[in-house]
Amino acid sequence: MPGLAVVLLTTALVVVVALLAAAGAGTLARLDGADYPAALARAATAFAATLALAAAVTAALTETLT
């Protein structure tokens, strides 16, 4: 049961970090003069890239540690 809690907390932390990265990317895009749809697209790209990076690191660590 403690293993499930660790997985859930880690997943929540990764999602929060991805949301922060997306918010930062969207804010920087708006400050750069992009309109709202372009800023939203940049934020979505940053969110997806952060989740993809987390998945790649997880896969690499899983292969290394097992």
N, C-alpha and C. Protein backbone atom coordinates (compact mmCIF):
# COMPACT_ATOMS: atom_id res chain seq x y z
N MET A 1 0.80 -1.21 0.00
CA MET A 1 0.00 0.00 0.00
C MET A 1 0.84 1.28 0.00
N PRO A 2 1.97 1.32 0.74
CA PRO A 2 2.78 2.55 0.67
C PRO A 2 3.32 2.81 -0.73
N GLY A 3 3.54 1.77 -1.53
CA GLY A 3 4.01 1.95 -2.90
C GLY A 3 3.00 2.71 -3.74
N LEU A 4 1.73 2.44 -3.53
CA LEU A 4 0.68 3.14 -4.27
C LEU A 4 0.66 4.62 -3.90
N ALA A 5 0.86 4.92 -2.62
CA ALA A 5 0.88 6.32 -2.19
C ALA A 5 2.05 7.07 -2.81
N VAL A 6 3.19 6.43 -2.91
CA VAL A 6 4.36 7.07 -3.52
C VAL A 6 4.10 7.34 -5.00
N VAL A 7 3.50 6.40 -5.68
CA VAL A 7 3.20 6.58 -7.10
C VAL A 7 2.21 7.72 -7.30
N LEU A 8 1.17 7.78 -6.48
CA LEU A 8 0.17 8.84 -6.61
C LEU A 8 0.76 10.22 -6.29
N LEU A 9 1.57 10.30 -5.25
CA LEU A 9 2.17 11.58 -4.89
C LEU A 9 3.17 12.04 -5.95
N THR A 10 3.93 11.11 -6.50
CA THR A 10 4.88 11.46 -7.55
C THR A 10 4.16 11.93 -8.81
N THR A 11 3.07 11.25 -9.15
CA THR A 11 2.28 11.66 -10.30
C THR A 11 1.70 13.05 -10.10
N ALA A 12 1.20 13.32 -8.91
CA ALA A 12 0.65 14.65 -8.62
C ALA A 12 1.74 15.71 -8.70
N LEU A 13 2.92 15.41 -8.21
CA LEU A 13 4.03 16.36 -8.27
C LEU A 13 4.44 16.65 -9.71
N VAL A 14 4.49 15.62 -10.54
CA VAL A 14 4.86 15.81 -11.94
C VAL A 14 3.82 16.67 -12.66
N VAL A 15 2.56 16.44 -12.39
CA VAL A 15 1.50 17.24 -13.02
C VAL A 15 1.58 18.70 -12.57
N VAL A 16 1.85 18.93 -11.29
CA VAL A 16 1.98 20.30 -10.80
C VAL A 16 3.17 21.01 -11.44
N VAL A 17 4.30 20.31 -11.57
CA VAL A 17 5.46 20.90 -12.22
C VAL A 17 5.16 21.20 -13.69
N ALA A 18 4.45 20.30 -14.36
CA ALA A 18 4.09 20.53 -15.75
C ALA A 18 3.15 21.73 -15.88
N LEU A 19 2.22 21.88 -14.96
CA LEU A 19 1.33 23.04 -14.98
C LEU A 19 2.09 24.34 -14.75
N LEU A 20 3.06 24.30 -13.84
CA LEU A 20 3.87 25.50 -13.61
C LEU A 20 4.69 25.87 -14.84
N ALA A 21 5.25 24.86 -15.50
CA ALA A 21 6.01 25.12 -16.72
C ALA A 21 5.10 25.71 -17.81
N ALA A 22 3.90 25.18 -17.92
CA ALA A 22 2.95 25.69 -18.91
C ALA A 22 2.54 27.12 -18.59
N ALA A 23 2.30 27.41 -17.33
CA ALA A 23 1.93 28.77 -16.94
C ALA A 23 3.07 29.74 -17.23
N GLY A 24 4.28 29.32 -16.94
CA GLY A 24 5.43 30.18 -17.24
C GLY A 24 5.59 30.41 -18.73
N ALA A 25 5.42 29.37 -19.52
CA ALA A 25 5.56 29.52 -20.97
C ALA A 25 4.46 30.42 -21.53
N GLY A 26 3.25 30.26 -21.04
CA GLY A 26 2.15 31.11 -21.50
C GLY A 26 2.36 32.57 -21.12
N THR A 27 2.85 32.79 -19.91
CA THR A 27 3.11 34.16 -19.46
C THR A 27 4.22 34.80 -20.28
N LEU A 28 5.29 34.07 -20.51
CA LEU A 28 6.38 34.61 -21.31
C LEU A 28 5.93 34.89 -22.76
N ALA A 29 5.06 34.04 -23.28
CA ALA A 29 4.56 34.27 -24.63
C ALA A 29 3.73 35.54 -24.69
N ARG A 30 2.90 35.75 -23.68
CA ARG A 30 2.08 36.96 -23.65
C ARG A 30 2.96 38.20 -23.50
N LEU A 31 4.00 38.12 -22.66
CA LEU A 31 4.91 39.25 -22.49
C LEU A 31 5.69 39.53 -23.78
N ASP A 32 5.87 38.51 -24.59
CA ASP A 32 6.57 38.66 -25.86
C ASP A 32 5.68 39.25 -26.94
N GLY A 33 4.40 39.39 -26.64
CA GLY A 33 3.49 40.03 -27.59
C GLY A 33 2.60 39.06 -28.35
N ALA A 34 2.60 37.80 -27.98
CA ALA A 34 1.75 36.82 -28.66
C ALA A 34 0.30 37.03 -28.24
N ASP A 35 -0.62 36.71 -29.15
CA ASP A 35 -2.03 36.80 -28.78
C ASP A 35 -2.40 35.57 -27.94
N TYR A 36 -3.62 35.56 -27.42
CA TYR A 36 -4.02 34.50 -26.50
C TYR A 36 -3.98 33.10 -27.11
N PRO A 37 -4.47 32.89 -28.32
CA PRO A 37 -4.38 31.52 -28.88
C PRO A 37 -2.94 31.03 -29.05
N ALA A 38 -2.05 31.92 -29.46
CA ALA A 38 -0.65 31.52 -29.62
C ALA A 38 -0.01 31.23 -28.26
N ALA A 39 -0.33 32.05 -27.27
CA ALA A 39 0.21 31.82 -25.93
C ALA A 39 -0.31 30.50 -25.36
N LEU A 40 -1.58 30.21 -25.62
CA LEU A 40 -2.15 28.94 -25.15
C LEU A 40 -1.50 27.76 -25.84
N ALA A 41 -1.20 27.91 -27.12
CA ALA A 41 -0.52 26.83 -27.85
C ALA A 41 0.88 26.60 -27.30
N ARG A 42 1.58 27.66 -26.98
CA ARG A 42 2.92 27.51 -26.39
C ARG A 42 2.84 26.87 -25.01
N ALA A 43 1.84 27.25 -24.24
CA ALA A 43 1.67 26.66 -22.91
C ALA A 43 1.34 25.17 -23.02
N ALA A 44 0.50 24.81 -23.98
CA ALA A 44 0.15 23.40 -24.17
C ALA A 44 1.37 22.60 -24.62
N THR A 45 2.19 23.19 -25.46
CA THR A 45 3.41 22.52 -25.91
C THR A 45 4.36 22.29 -24.74
N ALA A 46 4.50 23.28 -23.88
CA ALA A 46 5.37 23.14 -22.71
C ALA A 46 4.83 22.08 -21.75
N PHE A 47 3.52 22.05 -21.57
CA PHE A 47 2.91 21.04 -20.69
C PHE A 47 3.16 19.64 -21.23
N ALA A 48 2.93 19.44 -22.52
CA ALA A 48 3.12 18.12 -23.12
C ALA A 48 4.58 17.72 -23.10
N ALA A 49 5.48 18.66 -23.35
CA ALA A 49 6.91 18.35 -23.34
C ALA A 49 7.38 17.96 -21.94
N THR A 50 6.86 18.63 -20.92
CA THR A 50 7.23 18.30 -19.55
C THR A 50 6.75 16.90 -19.18
N LEU A 51 5.54 16.56 -19.56
CA LEU A 51 5.03 15.22 -19.28
C LEU A 51 5.80 14.16 -20.06
N ALA A 52 6.16 14.45 -21.30
CA ALA A 52 6.94 13.50 -22.09
C ALA A 52 8.33 13.30 -21.49
N LEU A 53 8.94 14.38 -21.03
CA LEU A 53 10.25 14.26 -20.39
C LEU A 53 10.17 13.43 -19.11
N ALA A 54 9.13 13.65 -18.32
CA ALA A 54 8.94 12.87 -17.10
C ALA A 54 8.74 11.38 -17.42
N ALA A 55 8.00 11.09 -18.47
CA ALA A 55 7.79 9.70 -18.86
C ALA A 55 9.10 9.06 -19.34
N ALA A 56 9.91 9.82 -20.08
CA ALA A 56 11.19 9.28 -20.56
C ALA A 56 12.14 9.02 -19.41
N VAL A 57 12.19 9.93 -18.45
CA VAL A 57 13.05 9.73 -17.28
C VAL A 57 12.58 8.54 -16.47
N THR A 58 11.27 8.39 -16.32
CA THR A 58 10.72 7.25 -15.59
C THR A 58 11.08 5.94 -16.27
N ALA A 59 10.96 5.89 -17.58
CA ALA A 59 11.31 4.68 -18.31
C ALA A 59 12.79 4.35 -18.18
N ALA A 60 13.63 5.37 -18.26
CA ALA A 60 15.07 5.14 -18.13
C ALA A 60 15.43 4.66 -16.73
N LEU A 61 14.83 5.27 -15.73
CA LEU A 61 15.11 4.86 -14.35
C LEU A 61 14.57 3.46 -14.06
N THR A 62 13.45 3.13 -14.63
CA THR A 62 12.88 1.80 -14.42
C THR A 62 13.79 0.73 -14.98
N GLU A 63 14.34 0.97 -16.18
CA GLU A 63 15.24 0.01 -16.79
C GLU A 63 16.55 -0.08 -16.00
N THR A 64 17.00 1.03 -15.46
CA THR A 64 18.27 1.06 -14.73
C THR A 64 18.15 0.39 -13.37
N LEU A 65 17.07 0.65 -12.68
CA LEU A 65 16.93 0.19 -11.29
C LEU A 65 16.39 -1.23 -11.16
N THR A 66 15.87 -1.80 -12.24
CA THR A 66 15.35 -3.17 -12.11
C THR A 66 16.22 -4.15 -12.85
